[in-house]
PDB file of N, CA and C in Angstrom:
ATOM      1  N   MET A   1     146.874 -94.654 -36.654  1.00  0.00           N
ATOM      2  CA  MET A   1     147.671 -94.121 -36.556  1.00  0.00           C
ATOM      3  C   MET A   1     148.431 -92.834 -36.080  1.00  0.00           C
ATOM      4  N   LYS A   2     148.903 -93.034 -35.116  1.00  0.00           N
ATOM      5  CA  LYS A   2     149.419 -91.502 -34.831  1.00  0.00           C
ATOM      6  C   LYS A   2     151.061 -90.901 -35.475  1.00  0.00           C
ATOM      7  N   MET A   3     151.627 -90.112 -36.032  1.00  0.00           N
ATOM      8  CA  MET A   3     152.797 -89.977 -36.042  1.00  0.00           C
ATOM      9  C   MET A   3     153.029 -88.645 -35.839  1.00  0.00           C
ATOM     10  N   VAL A   4     153.854 -89.065 -35.080  1.00  0.00           N
ATOM     11  CA  VAL A   4     154.407 -87.374 -34.106  1.00  0.00           C
ATOM     12  C   VAL A   4     155.851 -87.507 -34.859  1.00  0.00           C
ATOM     13  N   ALA A   5     155.449 -85.916 -35.119  1.00  0.00           N
ATOM     14  CA  ALA A   5     157.091 -84.670 -35.492  1.00  0.00           C
ATOM     15  C   ALA A   5     157.673 -84.406 -34.675  1.00  0.00           C
ATOM     16  N   HIS A   6     158.860 -83.905 -34.555  1.00  0.00           N
ATOM     17  CA  HIS A   6     159.878 -83.058 -33.833  1.00  0.00           C
ATOM     18  C   HIS A   6     160.347 -82.484 -34.650  1.00  0.00           C
ATOM     19  N   TYR A   7     160.367 -80.767 -33.825  1.00  0.00           N
ATOM     20  CA  TYR A   7     161.383 -79.799 -34.365  1.00  0.00           C
ATOM     21  C   TYR A   7     162.246 -79.399 -33.163  1.00  0.00           C
ATOM     22  N   ASP A   8     163.393 -79.340 -33.969  1.00  0.00           N
ATOM     23  CA  ASP A   8     164.831 -78.149 -32.887  1.00  0.00           C
ATOM     24  C   ASP A   8     164.675 -77.329 -33.681  1.00  0.00           C
ATOM     25  N   ASP A   9     164.657 -76.044 -33.015  1.00  0.00           N
ATOM     26  CA  ASP A   9     164.468 -74.522 -33.879  1.00  0.00           C
ATOM     27  C   ASP A   9     166.255 -74.399 -33.415  1.00  0.00           C
ATOM     28  N   TYR A  10     166.704 -74.687 -32.759  1.00  0.00           N
ATOM     29  CA  TYR A  10     168.324 -74.979 -32.059  1.00  0.00           C
ATOM     30  C   TYR A  10     168.460 -74.821 -33.598  1.00  0.00           C
ATOM     31  N   ASN A  11     168.847 -76.478 -33.703  1.00  0.00           N
ATOM     32  CA  ASN A  11     169.179 -77.076 -34.480  1.00  0.00           C
ATOM     33  C   ASN A  11     169.171 -77.511 -36.650  1.00  0.00           C
ATOM     34  N   GLU A  12     167.553 -76.662 -36.399  1.00  0.00           N
ATOM     35  CA  GLU A  12     166.692 -76.097 -37.655  1.00  0.00           C
ATOM     36  C   GLU A  12     166.526 -77.892 -37.978  1.00  0.00           C
ATOM     37  N   ASP A  13     165.713 -79.237 -37.309  1.00  0.00           N
ATOM     38  CA  ASP A  13     165.736 -80.443 -37.139  1.00  0.00           C
ATOM     39  C   ASP A  13     165.091 -80.558 -37.245  1.00  0.00           C
ATOM     40  N   PHE A  14     163.725 -81.022 -38.376  1.00  0.00           N
ATOM     41  CA  PHE A  14     161.998 -81.122 -38.461  1.00  0.00           C
ATOM     42  C   PHE A  14     162.119 -82.890 -38.561  1.00  0.00           C
ATOM     43  N   ARG A  15     161.799 -84.124 -37.981  1.00  0.00           N
ATOM     44  CA  ARG A  15     161.460 -85.121 -38.618  1.00  0.00           C
ATOM     45  C   ARG A  15     160.225 -85.752 -38.272  1.00  0.00           C
ATOM     46  N   VAL A  16     159.713 -86.305 -39.040  1.00  0.00           N
ATOM     47  CA  VAL A  16     158.388 -87.452 -38.544  1.00  0.00           C
ATOM     48  C   VAL A  16     158.167 -88.589 -38.391  1.00  0.00           C
ATOM     49  N   ASP A  17     157.582 -89.133 -37.778  1.00  0.00           N
ATOM     50  CA  ASP A  17     157.846 -90.282 -37.069  1.00  0.00           C
ATOM     51  C   ASP A  17     156.508 -91.358 -38.359  1.00  0.00           C
ATOM     52  N   LEU A  18     157.051 -91.842 -39.955  1.00  0.00           N
ATOM     53  CA  LEU A  18     156.098 -92.556 -40.010  1.00  0.00           C
ATOM     54  C   LEU A  18     155.428 -93.907 -39.842  1.00  0.00           C
ATOM     55  N   TRP A  19     155.422 -93.918 -38.678  1.00  0.00           N
ATOM     56  CA  TRP A  19     154.941 -95.005 -38.196  1.00  0.00           C
ATOM     57  C   TRP A  19     154.724 -94.790 -36.408  1.00  0.00           C
ATOM     58  N   GLU A  20     155.073 -95.591 -35.520  1.00  0.00           N
ATOM     59  CA  GLU A  20     154.840 -95.424 -34.071  1.00  0.00           C
ATOM     60  C   GLU A  20     156.310 -94.730 -33.809  1.00  0.00           C
ATOM     61  N   GLN A  21     155.971 -93.642 -32.786  1.00  0.00           N
ATOM     62  CA  GLN A  21     158.010 -93.435 -32.655  1.00  0.00           C
ATOM     63  C   GLN A  21     158.320 -94.437 -32.370  1.00  0.00           C
ATOM     64  N   GLY A  22     159.771 -94.505 -32.226  1.00  0.00           N
ATOM     65  CA  GLY A  22     160.691 -95.335 -32.270  1.00  0.00           C
ATOM     66  C   GLY A  22     160.989 -96.549 -33.182  1.00  0.00           C
ATOM     67  N   LYS A  23     159.598 -96.810 -34.064  1.00  0.00           N
ATOM     68  CA  LYS A  23     159.501 -97.825 -34.811  1.00  0.00           C
ATOM     69  C   LYS A  23     159.341 -97.443 -35.791  1.00  0.00           C
ATOM     70  N   GLY A  24     159.743 -97.897 -37.049  1.00  0.00           N
ATOM     71  CA  GLY A  24     159.390 -97.591 -38.517  1.00  0.00           C
ATOM     72  C   GLY A  24     160.329 -96.618 -39.846  1.00  0.00           C
ATOM     73  N   LEU A  25     159.702 -95.916 -39.886  1.00  0.00           N
ATOM     74  CA  LEU A  25     160.353 -95.031 -40.954  1.00  0.00           C
ATOM     75  C   LEU A  25     160.246 -93.868 -40.554  1.00  0.00           C
ATOM     76  N   MET A  26     161.268 -93.199 -40.925  1.00  0.00           N
ATOM     77  CA  MET A  26     161.138 -91.232 -39.923  1.00  0.00           C
ATOM     78  C   MET A  26     161.191 -90.550 -41.453  1.00  0.00           C
ATOM     79  N   LEU A  27     160.652 -89.123 -41.838  1.00  0.00           N
ATOM     80  CA  LEU A  27     161.010 -88.189 -42.972  1.00  0.00           C
ATOM     81  C   LEU A  27     161.414 -86.915 -42.051  1.00  0.00           C
ATOM     82  N   TYR A  28     162.636 -86.963 -42.705  1.00  0.00           N
ATOM     83  CA  TYR A  28     163.384 -85.661 -41.894  1.00  0.00           C
ATOM     84  C   TYR A  28     163.526 -85.108 -42.846  1.00  0.00           C
ATOM     85  N   LEU A  29     163.018 -83.401 -42.867  1.00  0.00           N
ATOM     86  CA  LEU A  29     163.329 -82.305 -43.394  1.00  0.00           C
ATOM     87  C   LEU A  29     164.500 -81.772 -43.309  1.00  0.00           C
ATOM     88  N   ASP A  30     165.365 -80.700 -44.522  1.00  0.00           N
ATOM     89  CA  ASP A  30     166.136 -80.071 -43.816  1.00  0.00           C
ATOM     90  C   ASP A  30     165.807 -78.841 -44.916  1.00  0.00           C
ATOM     91  N   HIS A  31     166.145 -77.611 -43.929  1.00  0.00           N
ATOM     92  CA  HIS A  31     166.167 -76.620 -45.250  1.00  0.00           C
ATOM     93  C   HIS A  31     167.138 -75.771 -45.344  1.00  0.00           C
ATOM     94  N   GLU A  32     167.980 -75.155 -46.267  1.00  0.00           N
ATOM     95  CA  GLU A  32     169.169 -74.602 -47.159  1.00  0.00           C
ATOM     96  C   GLU A  32     169.149 -73.510 -47.104  1.00  0.00           C
ATOM     97  N   TYR A  33     169.501 -72.587 -47.107  1.00  0.00           N
ATOM     98  CA  TYR A  33     169.291 -71.137 -47.649  1.00  0.00           C
ATOM     99  C   TYR A  33     170.112 -71.339 -49.141  1.00  0.00           C
ATOM    100  N   ASP A  34     171.665 -71.762 -49.217  1.00  0.00           N
ATOM    101  CA  ASP A  34     172.649 -71.365 -50.048  1.00  0.00           C
ATOM    102  C   ASP A  34     173.348 -72.909 -50.353  1.00  0.00           C
ATOM    103  N   TYR A  35     171.658 -73.919 -50.662  1.00  0.00           N
ATOM    104  CA  TYR A  35     172.245 -75.273 -51.265  1.00  0.00           C
ATOM    105  C   TYR A  35     173.609 -75.433 -52.061  1.00  0.00           C
ATOM    106  N   VAL A  36     174.901 -76.604 -51.252  1.00  0.00           N
ATOM    107  CA  VAL A  36     175.987 -76.697 -52.204  1.00  0.00           C
ATOM    108  C   VAL A  36     176.076 -77.412 -52.874  1.00  0.00           C
ATOM    109  N   LEU A  37     175.144 -78.447 -53.480  1.00  0.00           N
ATOM    110  CA  LEU A  37     175.516 -79.348 -54.232  1.00  0.00           C
ATOM    111  C   LEU A  37     174.025 -79.131 -55.430  1.00  0.00           C
ATOM    112  N   ASP A  38     173.486 -77.509 -55.058  1.00  0.00           N
ATOM    113  CA  ASP A  38     172.299 -77.480 -56.060  1.00  0.00           C
ATOM    114  C   ASP A  38     174.107 -76.583 -56.998  1.00  0.00           C
ATOM    115  N   SER A  39     173.637 -76.788 -57.677  1.00  0.00           N
ATOM    116  CA  SER A  39     174.794 -76.022 -59.227  1.00  0.00           C
ATOM    117  C   SER A  39     174.612 -74.563 -58.812  1.00  0.00           C
ATOM    118  N   GLU A  40     173.628 -74.049 -58.538  1.00  0.00           N
ATOM    119  CA  GLU A  40     173.462 -72.687 -58.578  1.00  0.00           C
ATOM    120  C   GLU A  40     172.832 -71.886 -57.240  1.00  0.00           C
ATOM    121  N   GLN A  41     173.287 -73.063 -56.577  1.00  0.00           N
ATOM    122  CA  GLN A  41     173.824 -73.032 -54.200  1.00  0.00           C
ATOM    123  C   GLN A  41     172.183 -72.171 -53.973  1.00  0.00           C
ATOM    124  N   ARG A  42     170.833 -72.829 -54.754  1.00  0.00           N
ATOM    125  CA  ARG A  42     169.691 -72.045 -54.618  1.00  0.00           C
ATOM    126  C   ARG A  42     169.391 -71.760 -52.908  1.00  0.00           C
ATOM    127  N   GLU A  43     168.145 -71.966 -52.579  1.00  0.00           N
ATOM    128  CA  GLU A  43     167.297 -72.336 -51.118  1.00  0.00           C
ATOM    129  C   GLU A  43     166.341 -73.165 -51.332  1.00  0.00           C
ATOM    130  N   ALA A  44     166.991 -73.976 -50.864  1.00  0.00           N
ATOM    131  CA  ALA A  44     166.859 -75.202 -51.421  1.00  0.00           C
ATOM    132  C   ALA A  44     165.448 -76.313 -50.115  1.00  0.00           C
ATOM    133  N   LEU A  45     165.130 -77.331 -50.009  1.00  0.00           N
ATOM    134  CA  LEU A  45     164.538 -77.764 -49.093  1.00  0.00           C
ATOM    135  C   LEU A  45     164.789 -79.819 -49.626  1.00  0.00           C
ATOM    136  N   GLU A  46     165.343 -80.116 -48.741  1.00  0.00           N
ATOM    137  CA  GLU A  46     166.059 -81.685 -48.569  1.00  0.00           C
ATOM    138  C   GLU A  46     165.291 -82.914 -48.255  1.00  0.00           C
ATOM    139  N   PRO A  47     164.467 -83.623 -48.648  1.00  0.00           N
ATOM    140  CA  PRO A  47     164.026 -84.160 -47.803  1.00  0.00           C
ATOM    141  C   PRO A  47     164.609 -86.019 -47.378  1.00  0.00           C
ATOM    142  N   ALA A  48     164.475 -86.666 -46.947  1.00  0.00           N
ATOM    143  CA  ALA A  48     165.260 -87.953 -46.742  1.00  0.00           C
ATOM    144  C   ALA A  48     164.678 -89.043 -45.664  1.00  0.00           C
ATOM    145  N   ILE A  49     164.531 -90.308 -46.568  1.00  0.00           N
ATOM    146  CA  ILE A  49     164.081 -91.282 -45.342  1.00  0.00           C
ATOM    147  C   ILE A  49     164.536 -91.942 -44.361  1.00  0.00           C
ATOM    148  N   SER A  50     164.540 -92.551 -43.312  1.00  0.00           N
ATOM    149  CA  SER A  50     165.167 -93.470 -42.937  1.00  0.00           C
ATOM    150  C   SER A  50     164.647 -94.673 -42.185  1.00  0.00           C
ATOM    151  N   ARG A  51     164.938 -95.000 -41.652  1.00  0.00           N
ATOM    152  CA  ARG A  51     163.742 -96.662 -40.966  1.00  0.00           C
ATOM    153  C   ARG A  51     164.920 -97.403 -39.765  1.00  0.00           C
ATOM    154  N   TYR A  52     164.146 -97.818 -39.199  1.00  0.00           N
ATOM    155  CA  TYR A  52     164.878 -98.433 -38.116  1.00  0.00           C
ATOM    156  C   TYR A  52     165.825 -99.719 -38.715  1.00  0.00           C
ATOM    157  N   GLU A  53     166.688-100.541 -38.721  1.00  0.00           N
ATOM    158  CA  GLU A  53     166.900-101.254 -39.520  1.00  0.00           C
ATOM    159  C   GLU A  53     166.467-103.301 -38.544  1.00  0.00           C
ATOM    160  N   ARG A  54     166.326-102.802 -37.359  1.00  0.00           N
ATOM    161  CA  ARG A  54     165.949-104.149 -36.657  1.00  0.00           C
ATOM    162  C   ARG A  54     164.646-104.521 -36.950  1.00  0.00           C
ATOM    163  N   ASP A  55     163.318-102.928 -37.697  1.00  0.00           N
ATOM    164  CA  ASP A  55     162.017-103.189 -38.633  1.00  0.00           C
ATOM    165  C   ASP A  55     162.581-104.280 -39.830  1.00  0.00           C
ATOM    166  N   ARG A  56     162.560-105.214 -39.882  1.00  0.00           N
ATOM    167  CA  ARG A  56     162.668-105.880 -41.108  1.00  0.00           C
ATOM    168  C   ARG A  56     161.561-106.070 -41.612  1.00  0.00           C
ATOM    169  N   PHE A  57     160.480-105.846 -41.538  1.00  0.00           N
ATOM    170  CA  PHE A  57     158.814-106.020 -42.149  1.00  0.00           C
ATOM    171  C   PHE A  57     158.605-104.580 -43.188  1.00  0.00           C
ATOM    172  N   LEU A  58     159.956-103.809 -42.885  1.00  0.00           N
ATOM    173  CA  LEU A  58     160.029-102.114 -43.682  1.00  0.00           C
ATOM    174  C   LEU A  58     160.521-102.727 -45.390  1.00  0.00           C
ATOM    175  N   ASP A  59     161.454-103.808 -45.314  1.00  0.00           N
ATOM    176  CA  ASP A  59     161.876-104.057 -46.898  1.00  0.00           C
ATOM    177  C   ASP A  59     161.170-104.079 -47.735  1.00  0.00           C
ATOM    178  N   ALA A  60     160.022-104.630 -47.431  1.00  0.00           N
ATOM    179  CA  ALA A  60     159.004-104.934 -48.771  1.00  0.00           C
ATOM    180  C   ALA A  60     158.538-102.875 -49.122  1.00  0.00           C
ATOM    181  N   TYR A  61     158.556-102.206 -48.649  1.00  0.00           N
ATOM    182  CA  TYR A  61     157.757-100.684 -48.571  1.00  0.00           C
ATOM    183  C   TYR A  61     159.303-100.117 -48.985  1.00  0.00           C
ATOM    184  N   TYR A  62     160.471-100.046 -48.591  1.00  0.00           N
ATOM    185  CA  TYR A  62     161.193 -98.712 -48.481  1.00  0.00           C
ATOM    186  C   TYR A  62     161.929 -98.451 -50.279  1.00  0.00           C
ATOM    187  N   SER A  63     161.650 -99.557 -50.871  1.00  0.00           N
ATOM    188  CA  SER A  63     161.340 -98.939 -52.095  1.00  0.00           C
ATOM    189  C   SER A  63     160.728 -97.711 -52.458  1.00  0.00           C
ATOM    190  N   LEU A  64     159.787 -97.817 -52.504  1.00  0.00           N
ATOM    191  CA  LEU A  64     158.339 -97.471 -52.854  1.00  0.00           C
ATOM    192  C   LEU A  64     158.760 -95.291 -52.289  1.00  0.00           C
ATOM    193  N   PHE A  65     160.060 -95.438 -52.278  1.00  0.00           N
ATOM    194  CA  PHE A  65     160.167 -93.386 -51.896  1.00  0.00           C
ATOM    195  C   PHE A  65     161.230 -93.435 -53.476  1.00  0.00           C
ATOM    196  N   GLY A  66     162.045 -94.005 -53.811  1.00  0.00           N
ATOM    197  CA  GLY A  66     162.464 -94.179 -54.854  1.00  0.00           C
ATOM    198  C   GLY A  66     163.400 -92.867 -54.228  1.00  0.00           C
ATOM    199  N   PRO A  67     164.545 -92.828 -55.037  1.00  0.00           N
ATOM    200  CA  PRO A  67     165.182 -91.611 -54.519  1.00  0.00           C
ATOM    201  C   PRO A  67     165.099 -90.574 -54.388  1.00  0.00           C
ATOM    202  N   LEU A  68     165.171 -90.143 -53.453  1.00  0.00           N
ATOM    203  CA  LEU A  68     164.696 -88.156 -53.203  1.00  0.00           C
ATOM    204  C   LEU A  68     165.637 -87.020 -53.972  1.00  0.00           C
ATOM    205  N   ASP A  69     165.447 -86.488 -53.752  1.00  0.00           N
ATOM    206  CA  ASP A  69     166.085 -85.201 -54.844  1.00  0.00           C
ATOM    207  C   ASP A  69     166.275 -83.890 -53.840  1.00  0.00           C
ATOM    208  N   HIS A  70     166.305 -82.562 -54.015  1.00  0.00           N
ATOM    209  CA  HIS A  70     165.753 -82.160 -53.358  1.00  0.00           C
ATOM    210  C   HIS A  70     165.059 -80.786 -54.008  1.00  0.00           C
ATOM    211  N   PHE A  71     164.834 -80.267 -53.609  1.00  0.00           N
ATOM    212  CA  PHE A  71     163.731 -79.012 -54.012  1.00  0.00           C
ATOM    213  C   PHE A  71     163.888 -77.464 -54.305  1.00  0.00           C
ATOM    214  N   VAL A  72     163.839 -76.488 -54.798  1.00  0.00           N
ATOM    215  CA  VAL A  72     164.708 -75.439 -54.557  1.00  0.00           C
ATOM    216  C   VAL A  72     163.111 -74.244 -55.104  1.00  0.00           C
ATOM    217  N   ARG A  73     163.519 -73.428 -54.264  1.00  0.00           N
ATOM    218  CA  ARG A  73     163.110 -72.012 -54.340  1.00  0.00           C
ATOM    219  C   ARG A  73     163.092 -71.098 -55.526  1.00  0.00           C
ATOM    220  N   THR A  74     162.197 -70.744 -56.677  1.00  0.00           N
ATOM    221  CA  THR A  74     163.065 -70.072 -57.625  1.00  0.00           C
ATOM    222  C   THR A  74     161.315 -69.306 -58.061  1.00  0.00           C
ATOM    223  N   THR A  75     161.569 -67.808 -58.968  1.00  0.00           N
ATOM    224  CA  THR A  75     161.310 -66.931 -59.084  1.00  0.00           C
ATOM    225  C   THR A  75     160.452 -67.461 -60.098  1.00  0.00           C
ATOM    226  N   GLU A  76     161.042 -67.885 -61.068  1.00  0.00           N
ATOM    227  CA  GLU A  76     160.219 -68.544 -62.464  1.00  0.00           C
ATOM    228  C   GLU A  76     159.044 -69.282 -62.149  1.00  0.00           C
ATOM    229  N   GLN A  77     157.877 -68.929 -63.505  1.00  0.00           N
ATOM    230  CA  GLN A  77     156.646 -69.388 -63.369  1.00  0.00           C
ATOM    231  C   GLN A  77     156.624 -70.902 -63.797  1.00  0.00           C
ATOM    232  N   PRO A  78     155.753 -72.133 -63.507  1.00  0.00           N
ATOM    233  CA  PRO A  78     155.866 -73.230 -64.367  1.00  0.00           C
ATOM    234  C   PRO A  78     155.389 -72.563 -66.158  1.00  0.00           C
ATOM    235  N   ARG A  79     155.568 -73.764 -66.642  1.00  0.00           N
ATOM    236  CA  ARG A  79     155.265 -74.058 -68.260  1.00  0.00           C
ATOM    237  C   ARG A  79     153.896 -74.060 -68.420  1.00  0.00           C
ATOM    238  N   GLN A  80     153.103 -73.647 -68.889  1.00  0.00           N
ATOM    239  CA  GLN A  80     151.763 -74.524 -69.543  1.00  0.00           C
ATOM    240  C   GLN A  80     151.296 -74.673 -70.491  1.00  0.00           C
ATOM    241  N   GLY A  81     151.134 -76.240 -70.448  1.00  0.00           N
ATOM    242  CA  GLY A  81     150.912 -77.076 -71.722  1.00  0.00           C
ATOM    243  C   GLY A  81     150.344 -76.569 -72.271  1.00  0.00           C
ATOM    244  N   THR A  82     150.476 -77.219 -74.055  1.00  0.00           N
ATOM    245  CA  THR A  82     150.626 -76.515 -74.794  1.00  0.00           C
ATOM    246  C   THR A  82     149.453 -77.756 -75.496  1.00  0.00           C
TER     247      THR A  82
END
């Protein structure tokens, strides 16, 4: 299966067809330098999933993605398990 990716550098739009082009699910990634919905307005990567409404066979899979959140860039180091 080919997953076609599209990048528009003018509009900063990156998307990947997760099925066939024009069918199924689509992943969007958006980059923000000062994301206003982040409490500290940090640099963030925002994922989103959309689908073509006519593709009813996806109803069974759509919930697998769960609620998506944004990811922020930070200088903190991850904590080591104790």
